[in-house]
Amino acid sequence: MAKILYFSTLVDKLGASSEEVVLPDTITDVRSLLAWLRQRGENWENALKDDAVRITVNRRIADLTAAVNDKMEIAIIPARPG
């Protein structure tokens, strides 16, 4: 399972600081992961816009095209804290 960590204001907005999920086969990069998470509802859609967050994959800064899979740790950090 992929471990997804949420930081700063995202914890309050999304109601969790982390989760472990089995990613569907269609999730292959950060962009598709964010799109999948945004389907959870309005809070998720507003909080996880592509330009509103920064991502690390296995503790390395990643862009929207970075590959992701079920064996990775993915951290999502607000681009503008506060």
PDB file of N, CA and C in Angstrom:
ATOM      1  N   MET A   1       0.833  -1.186   0.000  1.00  0.00           N
ATOM      2  CA  MET A   1       0.000   0.000   0.000  1.00  0.00           C
ATOM      3  C   MET A   1       0.874   1.244   0.000  1.00  0.00           C
ATOM      4  N   ALA A   2       0.393   2.273  -0.684  1.00  0.00           N
ATOM      5  CA  ALA A   2       1.083   3.560  -0.682  1.00  0.00           C
ATOM      6  C   ALA A   2       0.746   4.285   0.615  1.00  0.00           C
ATOM      7  N   LYS A   3       1.732   4.942   1.184  1.00  0.00           N
ATOM      8  CA  LYS A   3       1.499   5.758   2.370  1.00  0.00           C
ATOM      9  C   LYS A   3       1.462   7.208   1.924  1.00  0.00           C
ATOM     10  N   ILE A   4       0.356   7.888   2.230  1.00  0.00           N
ATOM     11  CA  ILE A   4       0.206   9.293   1.867  1.00  0.00           C
ATOM     12  C   ILE A   4       0.185  10.106   3.153  1.00  0.00           C
ATOM     13  N   LEU A   5       1.055  11.097   3.218  1.00  0.00           N
ATOM     14  CA  LEU A   5       1.171  11.967   4.385  1.00  0.00           C
ATOM     15  C   LEU A   5       0.665  13.355   4.010  1.00  0.00           C
ATOM     16  N   TYR A   6      -0.109  13.970   4.906  1.00  0.00           N
ATOM     17  CA  TYR A   6      -0.619  15.325   4.693  1.00  0.00           C
ATOM     18  C   TYR A   6      -0.014  16.226   5.764  1.00  0.00           C
ATOM     19  N   PHE A   7       0.370  17.438   5.381  1.00  0.00           N
ATOM     20  CA  PHE A   7       1.047  18.338   6.303  1.00  0.00           C
ATOM     21  C   PHE A   7       0.341  19.688   6.420  1.00  0.00           C
ATOM     22  N   SER A   8       0.651  20.361   7.512  1.00  0.00           N
ATOM     23  CA  SER A   8       0.238  21.732   7.767  1.00  0.00           C
ATOM     24  C   SER A   8      -1.281  21.869   7.710  1.00  0.00           C
ATOM     25  N   THR A   9      -1.782  22.838   6.989  1.00  0.00           N
ATOM     26  CA  THR A   9      -3.219  23.126   6.936  1.00  0.00           C
ATOM     27  C   THR A   9      -4.013  22.001   6.279  1.00  0.00           C
ATOM     28  N   LEU A  10      -3.364  21.140   5.526  1.00  0.00           N
ATOM     29  CA  LEU A  10      -4.077  20.034   4.885  1.00  0.00           C
ATOM     30  C   LEU A  10      -4.666  19.075   5.915  1.00  0.00           C
ATOM     31  N   VAL A  11      -3.998  18.936   7.044  1.00  0.00           N
ATOM     32  CA  VAL A  11      -4.494  18.035   8.092  1.00  0.00           C
ATOM     33  C   VAL A  11      -5.890  18.474   8.531  1.00  0.00           C
ATOM     34  N   ASP A  12      -6.072  19.764   8.770  1.00  0.00           N
ATOM     35  CA  ASP A  12      -7.382  20.272   9.184  1.00  0.00           C
ATOM     36  C   ASP A  12      -8.389  20.219   8.042  1.00  0.00           C
ATOM     37  N   LYS A  13      -7.965  20.591   6.855  1.00  0.00           N
ATOM     38  CA  LYS A  13      -8.879  20.630   5.710  1.00  0.00           C
ATOM     39  C   LYS A  13      -9.362  19.241   5.300  1.00  0.00           C
ATOM     40  N   LEU A  14      -8.487  18.248   5.412  1.00  0.00           N
ATOM     41  CA  LEU A  14      -8.820  16.903   4.940  1.00  0.00           C
ATOM     42  C   LEU A  14      -9.183  15.941   6.065  1.00  0.00           C
ATOM     43  N   GLY A  15      -8.893  16.333   7.297  1.00  0.00           N
ATOM     44  CA  GLY A  15      -9.275  15.514   8.436  1.00  0.00           C
ATOM     45  C   GLY A  15      -8.376  14.328   8.707  1.00  0.00           C
ATOM     46  N   ALA A  16      -7.160  14.356   8.164  1.00  0.00           N
ATOM     47  CA  ALA A  16      -6.221  13.248   8.396  1.00  0.00           C
ATOM     48  C   ALA A  16      -4.795  13.742   8.204  1.00  0.00           C
ATOM     49  N   SER A  17      -3.874  13.122   8.916  1.00  0.00           N
ATOM     50  CA  SER A  17      -2.466  13.449   8.716  1.00  0.00           C
ATOM     51  C   SER A  17      -1.769  12.405   7.854  1.00  0.00           C
ATOM     52  N   SER A  18      -2.405  11.236   7.697  1.00  0.00           N
ATOM     53  CA  SER A  18      -1.823  10.200   6.842  1.00  0.00           C
ATOM     54  C   SER A  18      -2.867   9.133   6.550  1.00  0.00           C
ATOM     55  N   GLU A  19      -2.572   8.336   5.557  1.00  0.00           N
ATOM     56  CA  GLU A  19      -3.410   7.178   5.233  1.00  0.00           C
ATOM     57  C   GLU A  19      -2.588   6.217   4.386  1.00  0.00           C
ATOM     58  N   GLU A  20      -3.012   4.975   4.391  1.00  0.00           N
ATOM     59  CA  GLU A  20      -2.418   3.972   3.517  1.00  0.00           C
ATOM     60  C   GLU A  20      -3.501   3.503   2.572  1.00  0.00           C
ATOM     61  N   VAL A  21      -3.187   3.539   1.272  1.00  0.00           N
ATOM     62  CA  VAL A  21      -4.190   3.209   0.256  1.00  0.00           C
ATOM     63  C   VAL A  21      -3.596   2.280  -0.794  1.00  0.00           C
ATOM     64  N   VAL A  22      -4.475   1.479  -1.359  1.00  0.00           N
ATOM     65  CA  VAL A  22      -4.115   0.696  -2.535  1.00  0.00           C
ATOM     66  C   VAL A  22      -4.481   1.558  -3.739  1.00  0.00           C
ATOM     67  N   LEU A  23      -3.492   1.909  -4.532  1.00  0.00           N
ATOM     68  CA  LEU A  23      -3.737   2.771  -5.683  1.00  0.00           C
ATOM     69  C   LEU A  23      -4.302   1.959  -6.844  1.00  0.00           C
ATOM     70  N   PRO A  24      -5.330   2.485  -7.500  1.00  0.00           N
ATOM     71  CA  PRO A  24      -5.824   1.817  -8.708  1.00  0.00           C
ATOM     72  C   PRO A  24      -4.730   1.774  -9.777  1.00  0.00           C
ATOM     73  N   ASP A  25      -4.841   0.845 -10.695  1.00  0.00           N
ATOM     74  CA  ASP A  25      -3.847   0.720 -11.770  1.00  0.00           C
ATOM     75  C   ASP A  25      -3.730   1.979 -12.609  1.00  0.00           C
ATOM     76  N   THR A  26      -4.768   2.797 -12.627  1.00  0.00           N
ATOM     77  CA  THR A  26      -4.756   4.018 -13.437  1.00  0.00           C
ATOM     78  C   THR A  26      -3.910   5.127 -12.830  1.00  0.00           C
ATOM     79  N   ILE A  27      -3.512   4.971 -11.577  1.00  0.00           N
ATOM     80  CA  ILE A  27      -2.692   5.982 -10.913  1.00  0.00           C
ATOM     81  C   ILE A  27      -1.229   5.638 -11.153  1.00  0.00           C
ATOM     82  N   THR A  28      -0.594   6.418 -12.022  1.00  0.00           N
ATOM     83  CA  THR A  28       0.791   6.136 -12.387  1.00  0.00           C
ATOM     84  C   THR A  28       1.742   7.293 -12.094  1.00  0.00           C
ATOM     85  N   ASP A  29       1.177   8.476 -11.849  1.00  0.00           N
ATOM     86  CA  ASP A  29       2.027   9.637 -11.579  1.00  0.00           C
ATOM     87  C   ASP A  29       1.331  10.549 -10.566  1.00  0.00           C
ATOM     88  N   VAL A  30       2.048  11.570 -10.127  1.00  0.00           N
ATOM     89  CA  VAL A  30       1.513  12.484  -9.123  1.00  0.00           C
ATOM     90  C   VAL A  30       0.241  13.161  -9.627  1.00  0.00           C
ATOM     91  N   ARG A  31       0.221  13.587 -10.870  1.00  0.00           N
ATOM     92  CA  ARG A  31      -0.963  14.267 -11.422  1.00  0.00           C
ATOM     93  C   ARG A  31      -2.212  13.378 -11.308  1.00  0.00           C
ATOM     94  N   SER A  32      -2.097  12.120 -11.691  1.00  0.00           N
ATOM     95  CA  SER A  32      -3.264  11.231 -11.619  1.00  0.00           C
ATOM     96  C   SER A  32      -3.626  10.908 -10.166  1.00  0.00           C
ATOM     97  N   LEU A  33      -2.657  10.862  -9.278  1.00  0.00           N
ATOM     98  CA  LEU A  33      -2.938  10.655  -7.855  1.00  0.00           C
ATOM     99  C   LEU A  33      -3.758  11.813  -7.306  1.00  0.00           C
ATOM    100  N   LEU A  34      -3.326  13.035  -7.579  1.00  0.00           N
ATOM    101  CA  LEU A  34      -4.059  14.201  -7.089  1.00  0.00           C
ATOM    102  C   LEU A  34      -5.477  14.230  -7.652  1.00  0.00           C
ATOM    103  N   ALA A  35      -5.626  13.927  -8.926  1.00  0.00           N
ATOM    104  CA  ALA A  35      -6.955  13.904  -9.551  1.00  0.00           C
ATOM    105  C   ALA A  35      -7.844  12.858  -8.866  1.00  0.00           C
ATOM    106  N   TRP A  36      -7.284  11.705  -8.566  1.00  0.00           N
ATOM    107  CA  TRP A  36      -8.026  10.640  -7.894  1.00  0.00           C
ATOM    108  C   TRP A  36      -8.457  11.068  -6.495  1.00  0.00           C
ATOM    109  N   LEU A  37      -7.548  11.687  -5.749  1.00  0.00           N
ATOM    110  CA  LEU A  37      -7.884  12.152  -4.402  1.00  0.00           C
ATOM    111  C   LEU A  37      -8.939  13.252  -4.437  1.00  0.00           C
ATOM    112  N   ARG A  38      -8.884  14.122  -5.424  1.00  0.00           N
ATOM    113  CA  ARG A  38      -9.865  15.216  -5.529  1.00  0.00           C
ATOM    114  C   ARG A  38     -11.286  14.703  -5.738  1.00  0.00           C
ATOM    115  N   GLN A  39     -11.441  13.496  -6.209  1.00  0.00           N
ATOM    116  CA  GLN A  39     -12.775  12.926  -6.415  1.00  0.00           C
ATOM    117  C   GLN A  39     -13.503  12.646  -5.103  1.00  0.00           C
ATOM    118  N   ARG A  40     -12.810  12.772  -3.988  1.00  0.00           N
ATOM    119  CA  ARG A  40     -13.412  12.495  -2.682  1.00  0.00           C
ATOM    120  C   ARG A  40     -14.383  13.579  -2.225  1.00  0.00           C
ATOM    121  N   GLY A  41     -14.355  14.735  -2.859  1.00  0.00           N
ATOM    122  CA  GLY A  41     -15.300  15.779  -2.463  1.00  0.00           C
ATOM    123  C   GLY A  41     -14.717  17.178  -2.557  1.00  0.00           C
ATOM    124  N   GLU A  42     -15.558  18.143  -2.238  1.00  0.00           N
ATOM    125  CA  GLU A  42     -15.201  19.552  -2.416  1.00  0.00           C
ATOM    126  C   GLU A  42     -13.976  19.967  -1.602  1.00  0.00           C
ATOM    127  N   ASN A  43     -13.892  19.539  -0.338  1.00  0.00           N
ATOM    128  CA  ASN A  43     -12.710  19.883   0.476  1.00  0.00           C
ATOM    129  C   ASN A  43     -11.434  19.399  -0.203  1.00  0.00           C
ATOM    130  N   TRP A  44     -11.480  18.175  -0.700  1.00  0.00           N
ATOM    131  CA  TRP A  44     -10.314  17.581  -1.349  1.00  0.00           C
ATOM    132  C   TRP A  44      -9.993  18.321  -2.648  1.00  0.00           C
ATOM    133  N   GLU A  45     -11.041  18.638  -3.397  1.00  0.00           N
ATOM    134  CA  GLU A  45     -10.854  19.330  -4.674  1.00  0.00           C
ATOM    135  C   GLU A  45     -10.194  20.685  -4.468  1.00  0.00           C
ATOM    136  N   ASN A  46     -10.658  21.434  -3.482  1.00  0.00           N
ATOM    137  CA  ASN A  46     -10.091  22.759  -3.217  1.00  0.00           C
ATOM    138  C   ASN A  46      -8.678  22.687  -2.656  1.00  0.00           C
ATOM    139  N   ALA A  47      -8.434  21.746  -1.766  1.00  0.00           N
ATOM    140  CA  ALA A  47      -7.140  21.667  -1.085  1.00  0.00           C
ATOM    141  C   ALA A  47      -6.025  21.102  -1.955  1.00  0.00           C
ATOM    142  N   LEU A  48      -6.370  20.248  -2.919  1.00  0.00           N
ATOM    143  CA  LEU A  48      -5.337  19.528  -3.666  1.00  0.00           C
ATOM    144  C   LEU A  48      -5.219  19.953  -5.130  1.00  0.00           C
ATOM    145  N   LYS A  49      -5.508  21.197  -5.411  1.00  0.00           N
ATOM    146  CA  LYS A  49      -5.287  21.702  -6.770  1.00  0.00           C
ATOM    147  C   LYS A  49      -3.806  21.587  -7.098  1.00  0.00           C
ATOM    148  N   ASP A  50      -3.505  21.306  -8.364  1.00  0.00           N
ATOM    149  CA  ASP A  50      -2.117  21.087  -8.783  1.00  0.00           C
ATOM    150  C   ASP A  50      -1.177  22.200  -8.325  1.00  0.00           C
ATOM    151  N   ASP A  51      -1.629  23.459  -8.406  1.00  0.00           N
ATOM    152  CA  ASP A  51      -0.745  24.572  -8.054  1.00  0.00           C
ATOM    153  C   ASP A  51      -0.807  24.940  -6.568  1.00  0.00           C
ATOM    154  N   ALA A  52      -1.625  24.233  -5.786  1.00  0.00           N
ATOM    155  CA  ALA A  52      -1.786  24.549  -4.369  1.00  0.00           C
ATOM    156  C   ALA A  52      -0.941  23.665  -3.457  1.00  0.00           C
ATOM    157  N   VAL A  53      -0.295  22.648  -4.022  1.00  0.00           N
ATOM    158  CA  VAL A  53       0.475  21.715  -3.204  1.00  0.00           C
ATOM    159  C   VAL A  53       1.858  21.444  -3.794  1.00  0.00           C
ATOM    160  N   ARG A  54       2.723  20.992  -2.922  1.00  0.00           N
ATOM    161  CA  ARG A  54       4.043  20.490  -3.302  1.00  0.00           C
ATOM    162  C   ARG A  54       4.072  19.027  -2.872  1.00  0.00           C
ATOM    163  N   ILE A  55       4.814  18.227  -3.609  1.00  0.00           N
ATOM    164  CA  ILE A  55       4.815  16.784  -3.375  1.00  0.00           C
ATOM    165  C   ILE A  55       6.244  16.286  -3.183  1.00  0.00           C
ATOM    166  N   THR A  56       6.377  15.308  -2.285  1.00  0.00           N
ATOM    167  CA  THR A  56       7.609  14.529  -2.241  1.00  0.00           C
ATOM    168  C   THR A  56       7.221  13.065  -2.424  1.00  0.00           C
ATOM    169  N   VAL A  57       8.070  12.349  -3.110  1.00  0.00           N
ATOM    170  CA  VAL A  57       7.889  10.910  -3.302  1.00  0.00           C
ATOM    171  C   VAL A  57       9.138  10.249  -2.744  1.00  0.00           C
ATOM    172  N   ASN A  58       8.944   9.398  -1.764  1.00  0.00           N
ATOM    173  CA  ASN A  58      10.062   8.763  -1.054  1.00  0.00           C
ATOM    174  C   ASN A  58      11.071   9.800  -0.576  1.00  0.00           C
ATOM    175  N   ARG A  59      10.521  10.884  -0.035  1.00  0.00           N
ATOM    176  CA  ARG A  59      11.288  11.966   0.596  1.00  0.00           C
ATOM    177  C   ARG A  59      12.138  12.786  -0.379  1.00  0.00           C
ATOM    178  N   ARG A  60      11.768  12.759  -1.647  1.00  0.00           N
ATOM    179  CA  ARG A  60      12.435  13.590  -2.662  1.00  0.00           C
ATOM    180  C   ARG A  60      11.391  14.449  -3.341  1.00  0.00           C
ATOM    181  N   ILE A  61      11.723  15.705  -3.550  1.00  0.00           N
ATOM    182  CA  ILE A  61      10.800  16.617  -4.217  1.00  0.00           C
ATOM    183  C   ILE A  61      10.430  16.049  -5.581  1.00  0.00           C
ATOM    184  N   ALA A  62       9.140  16.111  -5.892  1.00  0.00           N
ATOM    185  CA  ALA A  62       8.651  15.530  -7.135  1.00  0.00           C
ATOM    186  C   ALA A  62       7.760  16.528  -7.866  1.00  0.00           C
ATOM    187  N   ASP A  63       7.691  16.385  -9.174  1.00  0.00           N
ATOM    188  CA  ASP A  63       6.767  17.208  -9.948  1.00  0.00           C
ATOM    189  C   ASP A  63       5.551  16.360 -10.323  1.00  0.00           C
ATOM    190  N   LEU A  64       4.637  16.945 -11.074  1.00  0.00           N
ATOM    191  CA  LEU A  64       3.389  16.262 -11.404  1.00  0.00           C
ATOM    192  C   LEU A  64       3.585  15.024 -12.263  1.00  0.00           C
ATOM    193  N   THR A  65       4.706  14.916 -12.944  1.00  0.00           N
ATOM    194  CA  THR A  65       4.947  13.765 -13.815  1.00  0.00           C
ATOM    195  C   THR A  65       5.705  12.634 -13.126  1.00  0.00           C
ATOM    196  N   ALA A  66       6.077  12.828 -11.863  1.00  0.00           N
ATOM    197  CA  ALA A  66       6.823  11.798 -11.134  1.00  0.00           C
ATOM    198  C   ALA A  66       5.974  10.538 -10.967  1.00  0.00           C
ATOM    199  N   ALA A  67       6.588   9.408 -11.168  1.00  0.00           N
ATOM    200  CA  ALA A  67       5.899   8.119 -11.043  1.00  0.00           C
ATOM    201  C   ALA A  67       5.555   7.833  -9.584  1.00  0.00           C
ATOM    202  N   VAL A  68       4.407   7.179  -9.379  1.00  0.00           N
ATOM    203  CA  VAL A  68       4.009   6.709  -8.052  1.00  0.00           C
ATOM    204  C   VAL A  68       3.473   5.289  -8.168  1.00  0.00           C
ATOM    205  N   ASN A  69       3.607   4.545  -7.072  1.00  0.00           N
ATOM    206  CA  ASN A  69       3.035   3.200  -7.015  1.00  0.00           C
ATOM    207  C   ASN A  69       2.744   2.845  -5.557  1.00  0.00           C
ATOM    208  N   ASP A  70       2.252   1.645  -5.337  1.00  0.00           N
ATOM    209  CA  ASP A  70       1.831   1.213  -4.009  1.00  0.00           C
ATOM    210  C   ASP A  70       2.958   0.990  -3.005  1.00  0.00           C
ATOM    211  N   LYS A  71       4.160   1.090  -3.430  1.00  0.00           N
ATOM    212  CA  LYS A  71       5.280   0.852  -2.521  1.00  0.00           C
ATOM    213  C   LYS A  71       5.956   2.151  -2.080  1.00  0.00           C
ATOM    214  N   MET A  72       5.329   3.281  -2.351  1.00  0.00           N
ATOM    215  CA  MET A  72       5.960   4.579  -2.110  1.00  0.00           C
ATOM    216  C   MET A  72       5.327   5.332  -0.956  1.00  0.00           C
ATOM    217  N   GLU A  73       6.121   6.249  -0.396  1.00  0.00           N
ATOM    218  CA  GLU A  73       5.630   7.216   0.573  1.00  0.00           C
ATOM    219  C   GLU A  73       5.494   8.543  -0.165  1.00  0.00           C
ATOM    220  N   ILE A  74       4.308   9.110  -0.117  1.00  0.00           N
ATOM    221  CA  ILE A  74       4.009  10.336  -0.843  1.00  0.00           C
ATOM    222  C   ILE A  74       3.565  11.385   0.167  1.00  0.00           C
ATOM    223  N   ALA A  75       4.264  12.497   0.226  1.00  0.00           N
ATOM    224  CA  ALA A  75       3.900  13.579   1.134  1.00  0.00           C
ATOM    225  C   ALA A  75       3.309  14.720   0.323  1.00  0.00           C
ATOM    226  N   ILE A  76       2.222  15.274   0.839  1.00  0.00           N
ATOM    227  CA  ILE A  76       1.545  16.390   0.188  1.00  0.00           C
ATOM    228  C   ILE A  76       1.575  17.571   1.155  1.00  0.00           C
ATOM    229  N   ILE A  77       2.167  18.665   0.679  1.00  0.00           N
ATOM    230  CA  ILE A  77       2.441  19.832   1.507  1.00  0.00           C
ATOM    231  C   ILE A  77       1.819  21.051   0.834  1.00  0.00           C
ATOM    232  N   PRO A  78       1.138  21.925   1.590  1.00  0.00           N
ATOM    233  CA  PRO A  78       0.595  23.126   0.958  1.00  0.00           C
ATOM    234  C   PRO A  78       1.714  23.965   0.350  1.00  0.00           C
ATOM    235  N   ALA A  79       1.469  24.517  -0.832  1.00  0.00           N
ATOM    236  CA  ALA A  79       2.467  25.371  -1.484  1.00  0.00           C
ATOM    237  C   ALA A  79       2.631  26.681  -0.730  1.00  0.00           C
ATOM    238  N   ARG A  80       1.516  27.149  -0.131  1.00  0.00           N
ATOM    239  CA  ARG A  80       1.521  28.383   0.635  1.00  0.00           C
ATOM    240  C   ARG A  80       0.924  28.090   2.008  1.00  0.00           C
ATOM    241  N   PRO A  81       1.778  27.763   2.956  1.00  0.00           N
ATOM    242  CA  PRO A  81       1.264  27.423   4.290  1.00  0.00           C
ATOM    243  C   PRO A  81       0.449  28.573   4.890  1.00  0.00           C
ATOM    244  N   GLY A  82      -0.534  28.191   5.685  1.00  0.00           N
ATOM    245  CA  GLY A  82      -1.306  29.194   6.412  1.00  0.00           C
ATOM    246  C   GLY A  82      -2.662  29.448   5.879  1.00  0.00           C
TER     247      GLY A  82
END
